[in-house]
Amino acid sequence: MTEIADPRTGEMVEVTPAQGEVLAMLALPADLYGAPVTAEVIDGAVLELDVLLNQVARVVAQLYEERQTAEDTLTLAVATAMSEHEALGAQLARQRANLATADERAAVSLAKSKLRYAEELQKSLQNRSFGLMNIGKRMQSQMGFGPR
């Protein structure tokens, strides 16, 4: 795990390898979570979040494919390893297959972790977008431009 400094708080934050890969794929802007003060800034942030959410959706779709590929590779490797040791009996063949497919299992685990992190990031960005839209609506109603 890598430690980085959170630019907003200055605290050290641990980033898992899966999180690091997803963050590198997304390249989030550093000022994403700044405090907007005007309706124009809020509208701009909402539009920027819309672009990011579309990008996250593409990344999530790609990560689903990677996870499925990793699971298929693992299934094939387990089946191949078990068939190589079928003379030992089912239990020993399964144990040998589990030992022989450690790398494939690690790849599946990493793929699942990246996917979970990307989905959580997508939810976070979506919540931020909804929050900014609500603030924008409230500001407009306070200025008399919308329903109260």
N, C-alpha and C. Protein backbone atom coordinates (compact mmCIF):
# COMPACT_ATOMS: atom_id res chain seq x y z
N MET A 1 0.83 -1.19 0.00
CA MET A 1 0.00 0.00 0.00
C MET A 1 0.87 1.24 0.00
N THR A 2 0.40 2.25 -0.66
CA THR A 2 1.12 3.51 -0.78
C THR A 2 0.42 4.54 0.09
N GLU A 3 1.21 5.40 0.73
CA GLU A 3 0.62 6.47 1.51
C GLU A 3 0.77 7.77 0.72
N ILE A 4 -0.32 8.54 0.68
CA ILE A 4 -0.27 9.85 0.03
C ILE A 4 -0.87 10.86 0.98
N ALA A 5 -0.58 12.12 0.77
CA ALA A 5 -1.16 13.18 1.58
C ALA A 5 -2.45 13.65 0.92
N ASP A 6 -3.52 13.68 1.70
CA ASP A 6 -4.79 14.20 1.20
C ASP A 6 -4.62 15.70 1.00
N PRO A 7 -4.84 16.23 -0.22
CA PRO A 7 -4.58 17.65 -0.46
C PRO A 7 -5.51 18.57 0.31
N ARG A 8 -6.68 18.09 0.72
CA ARG A 8 -7.62 18.95 1.43
C ARG A 8 -7.30 19.02 2.92
N THR A 9 -6.87 17.89 3.50
CA THR A 9 -6.67 17.85 4.95
C THR A 9 -5.22 17.75 5.36
N GLY A 10 -4.35 17.30 4.45
CA GLY A 10 -2.95 17.13 4.77
C GLY A 10 -2.64 15.83 5.49
N GLU A 11 -3.66 15.03 5.80
CA GLU A 11 -3.42 13.77 6.50
C GLU A 11 -2.91 12.71 5.53
N MET A 12 -2.19 11.74 6.08
CA MET A 12 -1.67 10.65 5.26
C MET A 12 -2.79 9.63 5.05
N VAL A 13 -2.99 9.24 3.82
CA VAL A 13 -4.05 8.32 3.46
C VAL A 13 -3.42 7.13 2.75
N GLU A 14 -3.83 5.92 3.13
CA GLU A 14 -3.33 4.74 2.46
C GLU A 14 -4.19 4.44 1.23
N VAL A 15 -3.55 4.19 0.12
CA VAL A 15 -4.24 3.87 -1.12
C VAL A 15 -3.83 2.45 -1.51
N THR A 16 -4.82 1.59 -1.65
CA THR A 16 -4.53 0.21 -2.06
C THR A 16 -4.13 0.19 -3.52
N PRO A 17 -3.49 -0.88 -3.97
CA PRO A 17 -3.14 -0.96 -5.39
C PRO A 17 -4.36 -0.83 -6.30
N ALA A 18 -5.48 -1.43 -5.90
CA ALA A 18 -6.69 -1.34 -6.71
C ALA A 18 -7.18 0.10 -6.80
N GLN A 19 -7.18 0.82 -5.66
CA GLN A 19 -7.61 2.21 -5.67
C GLN A 19 -6.67 3.06 -6.51
N GLY A 20 -5.38 2.80 -6.42
CA GLY A 20 -4.40 3.56 -7.20
C GLY A 20 -4.62 3.39 -8.69
N GLU A 21 -4.91 2.15 -9.12
CA GLU A 21 -5.14 1.92 -10.55
C GLU A 21 -6.40 2.62 -11.03
N VAL A 22 -7.47 2.57 -10.23
CA VAL A 22 -8.73 3.21 -10.63
C VAL A 22 -8.55 4.73 -10.66
N LEU A 23 -7.89 5.30 -9.65
CA LEU A 23 -7.66 6.74 -9.65
C LEU A 23 -6.81 7.17 -10.83
N ALA A 24 -5.84 6.35 -11.22
CA ALA A 24 -5.01 6.68 -12.38
C ALA A 24 -5.85 6.63 -13.65
N MET A 25 -6.81 5.71 -13.73
CA MET A 25 -7.67 5.61 -14.90
C MET A 25 -8.59 6.83 -15.02
N LEU A 26 -8.99 7.39 -13.88
CA LEU A 26 -9.96 8.48 -13.89
C LEU A 26 -9.33 9.86 -13.94
N ALA A 27 -8.18 10.05 -13.33
CA ALA A 27 -7.50 11.34 -13.29
C ALA A 27 -8.45 12.44 -12.81
N LEU A 28 -8.94 12.31 -11.57
CA LEU A 28 -9.87 13.29 -11.00
C LEU A 28 -9.17 14.63 -10.77
N PRO A 29 -9.86 15.73 -11.02
CA PRO A 29 -9.24 17.04 -10.77
C PRO A 29 -9.05 17.27 -9.28
N ALA A 30 -7.97 17.95 -8.91
CA ALA A 30 -7.64 18.16 -7.50
C ALA A 30 -8.66 19.05 -6.79
N ASP A 31 -9.30 19.98 -7.52
CA ASP A 31 -10.22 20.92 -6.88
C ASP A 31 -11.67 20.47 -6.95
N LEU A 32 -11.89 19.19 -7.15
CA LEU A 32 -13.25 18.68 -7.30
C LEU A 32 -14.11 18.94 -6.07
N TYR A 33 -13.54 18.82 -4.90
CA TYR A 33 -14.33 18.96 -3.68
C TYR A 33 -14.15 20.31 -3.01
N GLY A 34 -13.83 21.34 -3.77
CA GLY A 34 -13.74 22.69 -3.23
C GLY A 34 -15.13 23.23 -2.92
N ALA A 35 -15.18 24.35 -2.22
CA ALA A 35 -16.46 24.94 -1.82
C ALA A 35 -16.95 25.93 -2.88
N PRO A 36 -17.99 25.58 -3.67
CA PRO A 36 -18.51 26.53 -4.66
C PRO A 36 -19.25 27.67 -3.97
N VAL A 37 -19.20 28.86 -4.57
CA VAL A 37 -19.81 30.01 -3.92
C VAL A 37 -20.86 30.70 -4.78
N THR A 38 -20.82 30.50 -6.08
CA THR A 38 -21.81 31.15 -6.94
C THR A 38 -22.55 30.11 -7.75
N ALA A 39 -23.69 30.53 -8.31
CA ALA A 39 -24.49 29.62 -9.13
C ALA A 39 -23.71 29.18 -10.37
N GLU A 40 -22.93 30.08 -10.94
CA GLU A 40 -22.14 29.72 -12.12
C GLU A 40 -21.09 28.67 -11.79
N VAL A 41 -20.45 28.82 -10.64
CA VAL A 41 -19.45 27.84 -10.22
C VAL A 41 -20.11 26.50 -9.96
N ILE A 42 -21.29 26.53 -9.35
CA ILE A 42 -22.03 25.29 -9.09
C ILE A 42 -22.42 24.63 -10.40
N ASP A 43 -22.94 25.40 -11.34
CA ASP A 43 -23.32 24.83 -12.64
C ASP A 43 -22.10 24.23 -13.35
N GLY A 44 -20.98 24.92 -13.28
CA GLY A 44 -19.76 24.39 -13.89
C GLY A 44 -19.32 23.09 -13.23
N ALA A 45 -19.41 23.03 -11.90
CA ALA A 45 -19.03 21.82 -11.18
C ALA A 45 -19.97 20.67 -11.51
N VAL A 46 -21.27 20.97 -11.64
CA VAL A 46 -22.24 19.92 -12.00
C VAL A 46 -21.93 19.38 -13.39
N LEU A 47 -21.62 20.28 -14.33
CA LEU A 47 -21.27 19.83 -15.69
C LEU A 47 -19.98 19.00 -15.69
N GLU A 48 -19.02 19.42 -14.89
CA GLU A 48 -17.76 18.67 -14.79
C GLU A 48 -18.02 17.29 -14.17
N LEU A 49 -18.88 17.24 -13.17
CA LEU A 49 -19.23 15.96 -12.56
C LEU A 49 -19.97 15.06 -13.54
N ASP A 50 -20.78 15.65 -14.41
CA ASP A 50 -21.47 14.87 -15.42
C ASP A 50 -20.47 14.18 -16.34
N VAL A 51 -19.44 14.92 -16.75
CA VAL A 51 -18.40 14.34 -17.61
C VAL A 51 -17.67 13.22 -16.85
N LEU A 52 -17.35 13.49 -15.58
CA LEU A 52 -16.66 12.48 -14.78
C LEU A 52 -17.52 11.23 -14.57
N LEU A 53 -18.81 11.42 -14.34
CA LEU A 53 -19.70 10.27 -14.16
C LEU A 53 -19.77 9.43 -15.43
N ASN A 54 -19.78 10.08 -16.59
CA ASN A 54 -19.75 9.33 -17.84
C ASN A 54 -18.44 8.55 -17.98
N GLN A 55 -17.35 9.17 -17.57
CA GLN A 55 -16.05 8.51 -17.62
C GLN A 55 -16.02 7.33 -16.64
N VAL A 56 -16.55 7.53 -15.44
CA VAL A 56 -16.59 6.45 -14.45
C VAL A 56 -17.44 5.29 -14.97
N ALA A 57 -18.53 5.60 -15.65
CA ALA A 57 -19.38 4.53 -16.18
C ALA A 57 -18.61 3.69 -17.19
N ARG A 58 -17.80 4.34 -18.02
CA ARG A 58 -16.99 3.59 -18.98
C ARG A 58 -15.94 2.74 -18.27
N VAL A 59 -15.33 3.31 -17.22
CA VAL A 59 -14.32 2.57 -16.45
C VAL A 59 -14.97 1.37 -15.75
N VAL A 60 -16.15 1.57 -15.16
CA VAL A 60 -16.84 0.48 -14.49
C VAL A 60 -17.16 -0.64 -15.48
N ALA A 61 -17.62 -0.28 -16.68
CA ALA A 61 -17.90 -1.30 -17.70
C ALA A 61 -16.63 -2.06 -18.06
N GLN A 62 -15.52 -1.35 -18.20
CA GLN A 62 -14.25 -1.99 -18.51
C GLN A 62 -13.82 -2.91 -17.37
N LEU A 63 -14.03 -2.46 -16.13
CA LEU A 63 -13.64 -3.27 -14.98
C LEU A 63 -14.52 -4.52 -14.84
N TYR A 64 -15.80 -4.42 -15.23
CA TYR A 64 -16.65 -5.61 -15.25
C TYR A 64 -16.09 -6.63 -16.24
N GLU A 65 -15.67 -6.16 -17.40
CA GLU A 65 -15.09 -7.07 -18.39
C GLU A 65 -13.81 -7.70 -17.88
N GLU A 66 -12.95 -6.90 -17.23
CA GLU A 66 -11.71 -7.43 -16.67
C GLU A 66 -11.99 -8.48 -15.60
N ARG A 67 -12.98 -8.21 -14.75
CA ARG A 67 -13.32 -9.17 -13.71
C ARG A 67 -13.84 -10.47 -14.33
N GLN A 68 -14.71 -10.35 -15.34
CA GLN A 68 -15.24 -11.55 -15.98
C GLN A 68 -14.14 -12.35 -16.66
N THR A 69 -13.21 -11.67 -17.31
CA THR A 69 -12.09 -12.34 -17.95
C THR A 69 -11.22 -13.07 -16.91
N ALA A 70 -10.96 -12.40 -15.79
CA ALA A 70 -10.16 -13.01 -14.73
C ALA A 70 -10.87 -14.23 -14.14
N GLU A 71 -12.19 -14.13 -13.95
CA GLU A 71 -12.94 -15.27 -13.42
C GLU A 71 -12.95 -16.43 -14.41
N ASP A 72 -13.09 -16.13 -15.69
CA ASP A 72 -13.06 -17.19 -16.71
C ASP A 72 -11.70 -17.87 -16.75
N THR A 73 -10.64 -17.06 -16.66
CA THR A 73 -9.28 -17.61 -16.66
C THR A 73 -9.08 -18.52 -15.45
N LEU A 74 -9.56 -18.08 -14.28
CA LEU A 74 -9.44 -18.89 -13.07
C LEU A 74 -10.21 -20.20 -13.21
N THR A 75 -11.43 -20.14 -13.71
CA THR A 75 -12.24 -21.35 -13.88
C THR A 75 -11.55 -22.35 -14.80
N LEU A 76 -11.00 -21.85 -15.89
CA LEU A 76 -10.30 -22.73 -16.83
C LEU A 76 -9.05 -23.32 -16.20
N ALA A 77 -8.31 -22.50 -15.47
CA ALA A 77 -7.08 -22.99 -14.83
C ALA A 77 -7.38 -24.03 -13.76
N VAL A 78 -8.45 -23.83 -12.98
CA VAL A 78 -8.83 -24.81 -11.95
C VAL A 78 -9.25 -26.12 -12.61
N ALA A 79 -10.06 -26.01 -13.65
CA ALA A 79 -10.51 -27.22 -14.33
C ALA A 79 -9.34 -27.99 -14.94
N THR A 80 -8.40 -27.27 -15.54
CA THR A 80 -7.23 -27.92 -16.14
C THR A 80 -6.38 -28.59 -15.06
N ALA A 81 -6.15 -27.89 -13.96
CA ALA A 81 -5.32 -28.45 -12.88
C ALA A 81 -6.00 -29.65 -12.23
N MET A 82 -7.31 -29.59 -12.08
CA MET A 82 -8.02 -30.73 -11.49
C MET A 82 -7.98 -31.94 -12.42
N SER A 83 -8.11 -31.70 -13.72
CA SER A 83 -8.09 -32.83 -14.65
C SER A 83 -6.71 -33.48 -14.71
N GLU A 84 -5.66 -32.68 -14.45
CA GLU A 84 -4.31 -33.23 -14.44
C GLU A 84 -4.08 -34.16 -13.25
N HIS A 85 -4.84 -33.96 -12.17
CA HIS A 85 -4.64 -34.74 -10.95
C HIS A 85 -5.87 -35.56 -10.59
N GLU A 86 -6.68 -35.91 -11.55
CA GLU A 86 -7.92 -36.63 -11.26
C GLU A 86 -7.68 -38.01 -10.67
N ALA A 87 -6.53 -38.60 -10.93
CA ALA A 87 -6.23 -39.93 -10.39
C ALA A 87 -6.06 -39.90 -8.87
N LEU A 88 -5.79 -38.74 -8.31
CA LEU A 88 -5.60 -38.62 -6.85
C LEU A 88 -6.91 -38.57 -6.09
N GLY A 89 -8.01 -38.41 -6.78
CA GLY A 89 -9.30 -38.24 -6.12
C GLY A 89 -9.71 -36.78 -6.13
N ALA A 90 -10.99 -36.56 -5.93
CA ALA A 90 -11.55 -35.21 -6.07
C ALA A 90 -10.97 -34.23 -5.06
N GLN A 91 -10.85 -34.65 -3.80
CA GLN A 91 -10.39 -33.72 -2.77
C GLN A 91 -8.94 -33.31 -2.99
N LEU A 92 -8.06 -34.25 -3.25
CA LEU A 92 -6.66 -33.91 -3.49
C LEU A 92 -6.50 -33.14 -4.80
N ALA A 93 -7.27 -33.49 -5.81
CA ALA A 93 -7.19 -32.77 -7.08
C ALA A 93 -7.62 -31.31 -6.88
N ARG A 94 -8.64 -31.09 -6.08
CA ARG A 94 -9.10 -29.73 -5.80
C ARG A 94 -8.03 -28.95 -5.05
N GLN A 95 -7.40 -29.60 -4.06
CA GLN A 95 -6.34 -28.93 -3.30
C GLN A 95 -5.16 -28.58 -4.20
N ARG A 96 -4.75 -29.49 -5.06
CA ARG A 96 -3.65 -29.22 -5.99
C ARG A 96 -4.03 -28.08 -6.95
N ALA A 97 -5.28 -28.09 -7.40
CA ALA A 97 -5.74 -27.03 -8.30
C ALA A 97 -5.74 -25.68 -7.60
N ASN A 98 -6.13 -25.67 -6.32
CA ASN A 98 -6.11 -24.41 -5.56
C ASN A 98 -4.69 -23.87 -5.42
N LEU A 99 -3.75 -24.77 -5.18
CA LEU A 99 -2.35 -24.33 -5.07
C LEU A 99 -1.81 -23.85 -6.42
N ALA A 100 -2.20 -24.53 -7.47
CA ALA A 100 -1.66 -24.20 -8.79
C ALA A 100 -2.24 -22.90 -9.36
N THR A 101 -3.37 -22.46 -8.83
CA THR A 101 -4.04 -21.28 -9.42
C THR A 101 -4.01 -20.07 -8.48
N ALA A 102 -2.98 -19.98 -7.65
CA ALA A 102 -2.88 -18.85 -6.71
C ALA A 102 -2.80 -17.52 -7.45
N ASP A 103 -2.05 -17.47 -8.54
CA ASP A 103 -1.92 -16.21 -9.29
C ASP A 103 -3.24 -15.80 -9.91
N GLU A 104 -3.96 -16.76 -10.45
CA GLU A 104 -5.26 -16.46 -11.05
C GLU A 104 -6.25 -15.98 -9.99
N ARG A 105 -6.20 -16.57 -8.80
CA ARG A 105 -7.08 -16.12 -7.70
C ARG A 105 -6.74 -14.69 -7.28
N ALA A 106 -5.45 -14.38 -7.24
CA ALA A 106 -5.04 -13.01 -6.89
C ALA A 106 -5.52 -12.02 -7.95
N ALA A 107 -5.48 -12.42 -9.21
CA ALA A 107 -5.95 -11.54 -10.29
C ALA A 107 -7.45 -11.29 -10.17
N VAL A 108 -8.20 -12.33 -9.82
CA VAL A 108 -9.65 -12.17 -9.63
C VAL A 108 -9.93 -11.25 -8.45
N SER A 109 -9.18 -11.44 -7.37
CA SER A 109 -9.37 -10.60 -6.19
C SER A 109 -9.07 -9.13 -6.49
N LEU A 110 -7.99 -8.87 -7.23
CA LEU A 110 -7.65 -7.50 -7.61
C LEU A 110 -8.72 -6.90 -8.51
N ALA A 111 -9.21 -7.69 -9.46
CA ALA A 111 -10.24 -7.19 -10.37
C ALA A 111 -11.51 -6.84 -9.60
N LYS A 112 -11.88 -7.66 -8.63
CA LYS A 112 -13.07 -7.38 -7.82
C LYS A 112 -12.87 -6.13 -6.97
N SER A 113 -11.67 -5.98 -6.41
CA SER A 113 -11.39 -4.79 -5.58
C SER A 113 -11.45 -3.52 -6.41
N LYS A 114 -10.87 -3.54 -7.61
CA LYS A 114 -10.92 -2.36 -8.47
C LYS A 114 -12.36 -2.02 -8.83
N LEU A 115 -13.15 -3.03 -9.13
CA LEU A 115 -14.55 -2.79 -9.49
C LEU A 115 -15.34 -2.21 -8.33
N ARG A 116 -15.15 -2.78 -7.13
CA ARG A 116 -15.85 -2.25 -5.95
C ARG A 116 -15.47 -0.80 -5.70
N TYR A 117 -14.17 -0.49 -5.80
CA TYR A 117 -13.73 0.87 -5.55
C TYR A 117 -14.29 1.84 -6.59
N ALA A 118 -14.30 1.43 -7.85
CA ALA A 118 -14.85 2.29 -8.91
C ALA A 118 -16.34 2.54 -8.69
N GLU A 119 -17.06 1.51 -8.26
CA GLU A 119 -18.50 1.69 -8.00
C GLU A 119 -18.73 2.62 -6.83
N GLU A 120 -17.92 2.51 -5.78
CA GLU A 120 -18.05 3.42 -4.63
C GLU A 120 -17.70 4.85 -5.04
N LEU A 121 -16.69 5.00 -5.86
CA LEU A 121 -16.32 6.33 -6.35
C LEU A 121 -17.44 6.92 -7.19
N GLN A 122 -18.08 6.08 -8.01
CA GLN A 122 -19.20 6.53 -8.83
C GLN A 122 -20.34 7.02 -7.93
N LYS A 123 -20.64 6.29 -6.87
CA LYS A 123 -21.70 6.71 -5.95
C LYS A 123 -21.33 8.03 -5.28
N SER A 124 -20.08 8.17 -4.89
CA SER A 124 -19.63 9.41 -4.25
C SER A 124 -19.76 10.61 -5.19
N LEU A 125 -19.33 10.44 -6.43
CA LEU A 125 -19.44 11.53 -7.41
C LEU A 125 -20.91 11.86 -7.70
N GLN A 126 -21.73 10.84 -7.77
CA GLN A 126 -23.16 11.06 -8.03
C GLN A 126 -23.80 11.82 -6.86
N ASN A 127 -23.45 11.45 -5.64
CA ASN A 127 -23.98 12.16 -4.47
C ASN A 127 -23.52 13.61 -4.45
N ARG A 128 -22.26 13.82 -4.82
CA ARG A 128 -21.74 15.20 -4.88
C ARG A 128 -22.51 16.01 -5.93
N SER A 129 -22.79 15.38 -7.07
CA SER A 129 -23.54 16.05 -8.12
C SER A 129 -24.95 16.41 -7.64
N PHE A 130 -25.61 15.45 -7.00
CA PHE A 130 -26.97 15.72 -6.49
C PHE A 130 -26.93 16.84 -5.44
N GLY A 131 -25.93 16.81 -4.58
CA GLY A 131 -25.81 17.86 -3.57
C GLY A 131 -25.62 19.23 -4.18
N LEU A 132 -24.76 19.31 -5.18
CA LEU A 132 -24.54 20.60 -5.85
C LEU A 132 -25.79 21.07 -6.57
N MET A 133 -26.53 20.14 -7.19
CA MET A 133 -27.77 20.53 -7.87
C MET A 133 -28.78 21.07 -6.86
N ASN A 134 -28.86 20.43 -5.69
CA ASN A 134 -29.78 20.90 -4.66
C ASN A 134 -29.38 22.29 -4.15
N ILE A 135 -28.08 22.51 -3.98
CA ILE A 135 -27.60 23.82 -3.54
C ILE A 135 -27.93 24.86 -4.61
N GLY A 136 -27.71 24.50 -5.88
CA GLY A 136 -28.01 25.43 -6.97
C GLY A 136 -29.49 25.79 -7.01
N LYS A 137 -30.35 24.79 -6.83
CA LYS A 137 -31.80 25.07 -6.81
C LYS A 137 -32.16 25.97 -5.64
N ARG A 138 -31.56 25.72 -4.50
CA ARG A 138 -31.84 26.54 -3.32
C ARG A 138 -31.38 27.99 -3.54
N MET A 139 -30.20 28.14 -4.15
CA MET A 139 -29.71 29.50 -4.41
C MET A 139 -30.63 30.22 -5.39
N GLN A 140 -31.11 29.52 -6.42
CA GLN A 140 -32.01 30.14 -7.38
C GLN A 140 -33.32 30.54 -6.72
N SER A 141 -33.85 29.68 -5.85
CA SER A 141 -35.11 30.03 -5.19
C SER A 141 -34.93 31.22 -4.23
N GLN A 142 -33.75 31.30 -3.61
CA GLN A 142 -33.46 32.44 -2.72
C GLN A 142 -33.38 33.74 -3.50
N MET A 143 -32.94 33.66 -4.76
CA MET A 143 -32.84 34.87 -5.58
C MET A 143 -34.14 35.15 -6.30
N GLY A 144 -35.12 34.30 -6.14
CA GLY A 144 -36.44 34.52 -6.75
C GLY A 144 -36.57 33.99 -8.15
N PHE A 145 -35.68 33.10 -8.59
CA PHE A 145 -35.74 32.59 -9.95
C PHE A 145 -36.49 31.27 -10.07
N GLY A 146 -36.81 30.63 -8.99
CA GLY A 146 -37.43 29.33 -9.06
C GLY A 146 -38.50 29.18 -7.99
N PRO A 147 -39.12 28.00 -7.91
CA PRO A 147 -40.13 27.77 -6.88
C PRO A 147 -39.51 27.74 -5.49
N ARG A 148 -40.28 28.18 -4.53
CA ARG A 148 -39.78 28.21 -3.15
C ARG A 148 -40.23 27.02 -2.39
